[in-house]
Amino acid sequence: MSGGIAGCAPSGTNELGTQDPGMALAVARRHGGTTHLSPTSGELMTTAPAPERAKRPEDVDVLLARAFAAQDVDACAGLYHPDASVVRLADFGGGVAKGDAAIREAMADYVGLAPTMDVTVHHVTQAGDLALVRSQWRVRGVDQAGAPIELHHHGMEVMRRDDDGYWQFYIDHPWGADASWTIDEPAPVPAGR
């Protein structure tokens, strides 16, 4: 069988790649979709539900927590604008993931932790189609060796409203508001011309 994850069959098929009506129905029910006969081929077709979309800037973090809990890479990546940037955790290569493919890869790494996420949005400042969001989050999961891990940070995010009126991450810095960034005093500003 080609494509997909080794040892896994596409939705509604068994390990031999043949259609299994019972499996298709179970997959559809698990994901909130429906299963019906194709009007042209007579085969079972599964329709997945549309992903949740954020109606307010503060909803984006909550939807990310739900997508993590569901281990749904597509839902996680879909919460990011196509031109978005996200600062990656050092444990996953660090740096900044930019654009659809890189963000999808970052989300796949995080979903691989089998995470649960708790999140509180402390503040939202909105100007037109942009919003600055200050969040506090905790992720619990397991690392590649199976050991439990817990991450707790204070994030700074810029959300952007799309043409349909829904909000997505545009810039995501998961620990951008951590206390480790604070200093006793700011540096003096040099005199101008």
Protein backbone atom coordinates (compact mmCIF):
# COMPACT_ATOMS: atom_id res chain seq x y z
CA MET A 1 0.00 0.00 0.00
CA SER A 2 1.49 3.38 -0.89
CA GLY A 3 1.11 6.69 0.93
CA GLY A 4 0.07 7.37 4.48
CA ILE A 5 1.77 6.19 7.62
CA ALA A 6 3.33 2.72 7.57
CA GLY A 7 0.92 0.21 9.04
CA CYS A 8 -2.07 2.55 8.85
CA ALA A 9 -4.88 2.30 6.33
CA PRO A 10 -6.81 5.29 4.97
CA SER A 11 -10.13 6.09 6.67
CA GLY A 12 -12.72 3.42 5.93
CA THR A 13 -10.29 0.78 4.67
CA ASN A 14 -8.76 -2.18 6.44
CA GLU A 15 -5.07 -3.08 6.58
CA LEU A 16 -5.35 -4.76 3.16
CA GLY A 17 -6.59 -1.55 1.57
CA THR A 18 -10.11 -2.84 0.92
CA GLN A 19 -13.16 -0.92 2.03
CA ASP A 20 -14.59 -1.86 5.43
CA PRO A 21 -18.06 -0.33 5.99
CA GLY A 22 -17.92 -0.82 9.75
CA MET A 23 -14.54 0.89 9.96
CA ALA A 24 -15.69 3.80 7.75
CA LEU A 25 -18.69 4.37 9.99
CA ALA A 26 -16.55 4.21 13.16
CA VAL A 27 -14.03 6.68 11.73
CA ALA A 28 -16.77 9.09 10.70
CA ARG A 29 -18.48 8.93 14.09
CA ARG A 30 -15.20 9.44 15.94
CA HIS A 31 -14.49 12.61 14.00
CA GLY A 32 -18.05 13.93 13.94
CA GLY A 33 -18.50 13.33 10.23
CA THR A 34 -20.99 11.24 8.29
CA THR A 35 -20.78 8.15 6.12
CA HIS A 36 -22.97 7.69 3.03
CA LEU A 37 -23.04 5.83 -0.27
CA SER A 38 -21.48 7.57 -3.23
CA PRO A 39 -24.20 8.37 -5.79
CA THR A 40 -21.88 7.41 -8.65
CA SER A 41 -19.82 4.43 -7.45
CA GLY A 42 -22.01 2.97 -4.70
CA GLU A 43 -18.98 2.93 -2.36
CA LEU A 44 -19.06 4.29 1.16
CA MET A 45 -17.79 7.85 1.47
CA THR A 46 -16.84 9.60 4.70
CA THR A 47 -17.39 13.31 5.11
CA ALA A 48 -15.34 14.92 7.87
CA PRO A 49 -16.72 17.93 9.72
CA ALA A 50 -15.36 21.36 8.91
CA PRO A 51 -12.65 22.42 11.38
CA GLU A 52 -13.61 24.90 14.06
CA ARG A 53 -12.66 28.49 13.30
CA ALA A 54 -12.01 31.32 15.73
CA LYS A 55 -14.66 34.03 15.87
CA ARG A 56 -12.58 36.13 18.30
CA PRO A 57 -8.80 36.52 18.67
CA GLU A 58 -8.84 34.85 22.10
CA ASP A 59 -10.56 31.77 20.64
CA VAL A 60 -7.50 30.79 18.57
CA ASP A 61 -5.53 29.56 21.61
CA VAL A 62 -8.52 27.53 22.84
CA LEU A 63 -8.95 25.89 19.43
CA LEU A 64 -5.23 25.04 19.39
CA ALA A 65 -5.61 23.32 22.78
CA ARG A 66 -8.54 21.29 21.40
CA ALA A 67 -6.60 20.36 18.26
CA PHE A 68 -3.62 19.22 20.38
CA ALA A 69 -5.92 17.08 22.54
CA ALA A 70 -7.40 15.51 19.38
CA GLN A 71 -3.86 15.02 18.01
CA ASP A 72 -5.09 16.66 14.81
CA VAL A 73 -2.14 18.12 12.89
CA ASP A 74 -4.44 19.51 10.17
CA ALA A 75 -6.55 21.40 12.71
CA CYS A 76 -3.42 22.76 14.43
CA ALA A 77 -1.80 23.93 11.20
CA GLY A 78 -5.13 25.34 9.96
CA LEU A 79 -5.15 27.83 12.83
CA TYR A 80 -2.14 29.60 11.28
CA HIS A 81 -2.30 32.15 8.45
CA PRO A 82 -0.47 30.91 5.31
CA ASP A 83 2.21 33.59 5.84
CA ALA A 84 2.51 33.07 9.61
CA SER A 85 5.66 32.65 11.69
CA VAL A 86 5.96 30.60 14.87
CA VAL A 87 8.99 30.44 17.16
CA ARG A 88 9.84 26.76 17.60
CA LEU A 89 10.78 25.23 20.92
CA ALA A 90 14.50 24.48 21.29
CA ASP A 91 13.71 20.77 21.79
CA PHE A 92 12.36 20.73 18.23
CA GLY A 93 15.18 22.51 16.45
CA GLY A 94 14.47 26.05 17.62
CA GLY A 95 14.40 28.87 15.10
CA VAL A 96 11.31 30.21 13.41
CA ALA A 97 8.90 28.17 11.29
CA LYS A 98 7.53 30.31 8.45
CA GLY A 99 4.74 29.39 6.06
CA ASP A 100 2.38 26.44 5.68
CA ALA A 101 4.88 23.58 5.27
CA ALA A 102 7.20 24.61 8.11
CA ILE A 103 4.31 25.31 10.48
CA ARG A 104 2.70 21.98 9.64
CA GLU A 105 6.02 20.26 10.44
CA ALA A 106 6.25 22.13 13.77
CA MET A 107 2.68 21.18 14.67
CA ALA A 108 3.36 17.53 13.78
CA ASP A 109 6.32 17.58 16.19
CA TYR A 110 4.16 19.02 18.97
CA VAL A 111 1.24 16.66 18.30
CA GLY A 112 3.79 13.83 18.56
CA LEU A 113 3.98 14.61 22.28
CA ALA A 114 0.39 13.34 22.69
CA PRO A 115 -0.26 16.66 24.43
CA THR A 116 -2.97 18.14 26.55
CA MET A 117 -2.94 21.91 26.79
CA ASP A 118 -4.37 24.27 29.37
CA VAL A 119 -4.51 27.92 28.31
CA THR A 120 -5.63 31.26 29.68
CA VAL A 121 -5.78 34.41 27.58
CA HIS A 122 -4.86 37.33 29.82
CA HIS A 123 -5.24 40.24 27.44
CA VAL A 124 -6.30 41.12 23.89
CA THR A 125 -5.56 44.45 22.19
CA GLN A 126 -7.25 44.70 18.80
CA ALA A 127 -6.71 47.21 16.01
CA GLY A 128 -8.71 46.47 12.88
CA ASP A 129 -7.83 43.03 11.52
CA LEU A 130 -4.88 42.52 13.90
CA ALA A 131 -4.87 41.64 17.59
CA LEU A 132 -2.06 41.29 20.12
CA VAL A 133 -2.81 38.44 22.52
CA ARG A 134 -1.05 37.63 25.79
CA SER A 135 -1.54 34.03 26.90
CA GLN A 136 -0.35 31.63 29.56
CA TRP A 137 -0.26 27.96 28.71
CA ARG A 138 0.81 24.56 29.99
CA VAL A 139 1.34 21.49 27.84
CA ARG A 140 1.65 18.01 29.29
CA GLY A 141 2.67 15.06 27.18
CA VAL A 142 5.33 12.42 26.64
CA ASP A 143 8.69 12.76 24.92
CA GLN A 144 10.05 10.36 22.29
CA ALA A 145 11.40 8.08 25.04
CA GLY A 146 7.96 7.91 26.67
CA ALA A 147 8.91 10.06 29.66
CA PRO A 148 6.33 12.57 30.88
CA ILE A 149 7.05 16.23 30.13
CA GLU A 150 5.44 19.50 31.11
CA LEU A 151 6.01 22.92 29.54
CA HIS A 152 4.62 26.12 31.05
CA HIS A 153 5.12 29.49 29.37
CA HIS A 154 3.65 32.94 28.79
CA GLY A 155 3.02 33.56 25.09
CA MET A 156 2.69 36.62 22.89
CA GLU A 157 0.72 36.19 19.69
CA VAL A 158 -0.41 38.41 16.87
CA MET A 159 -3.70 37.20 15.44
CA ARG A 160 -4.97 38.23 12.02
CA ARG A 161 -8.58 38.24 10.83
CA ASP A 162 -8.98 36.61 7.42
CA ASP A 163 -11.31 37.68 4.61
CA ASP A 164 -14.08 35.44 6.02
CA GLY A 165 -13.94 37.23 9.39
CA TYR A 166 -12.22 34.39 11.29
CA TRP A 167 -9.00 34.76 13.29
CA GLN A 168 -5.70 32.90 12.87
CA PHE A 169 -2.20 33.04 14.33
CA TYR A 170 0.00 35.41 12.33
CA ILE A 171 2.97 35.58 14.71
CA ASP A 172 3.23 33.06 17.55
CA HIS A 173 5.96 33.39 20.17
CA PRO A 174 5.06 30.71 22.74
CA TRP A 175 7.32 32.10 25.50
CA GLY A 176 7.56 35.72 24.36
CA ALA A 177 6.12 37.06 27.63
CA ASP A 178 8.08 34.82 30.03
CA ALA A 179 9.67 36.51 33.03
CA SER A 180 13.09 35.35 31.77
CA TRP A 181 12.88 38.15 29.19
CA THR A 182 12.68 40.88 31.83
CA ILE A 183 15.64 43.03 32.84
CA ASP A 184 16.12 45.33 35.84
CA GLU A 185 16.34 48.48 33.75
CA PRO A 186 16.05 49.26 30.05
CA ALA A 187 19.15 50.44 28.21
CA PRO A 188 19.45 54.23 27.80
CA VAL A 189 18.48 55.58 24.40
CA PRO A 190 21.42 57.25 22.62
CA ALA A 191 21.05 60.94 21.87
CA GLY A 192 19.67 61.76 18.43
CA ARG A 193 21.05 64.17 15.85
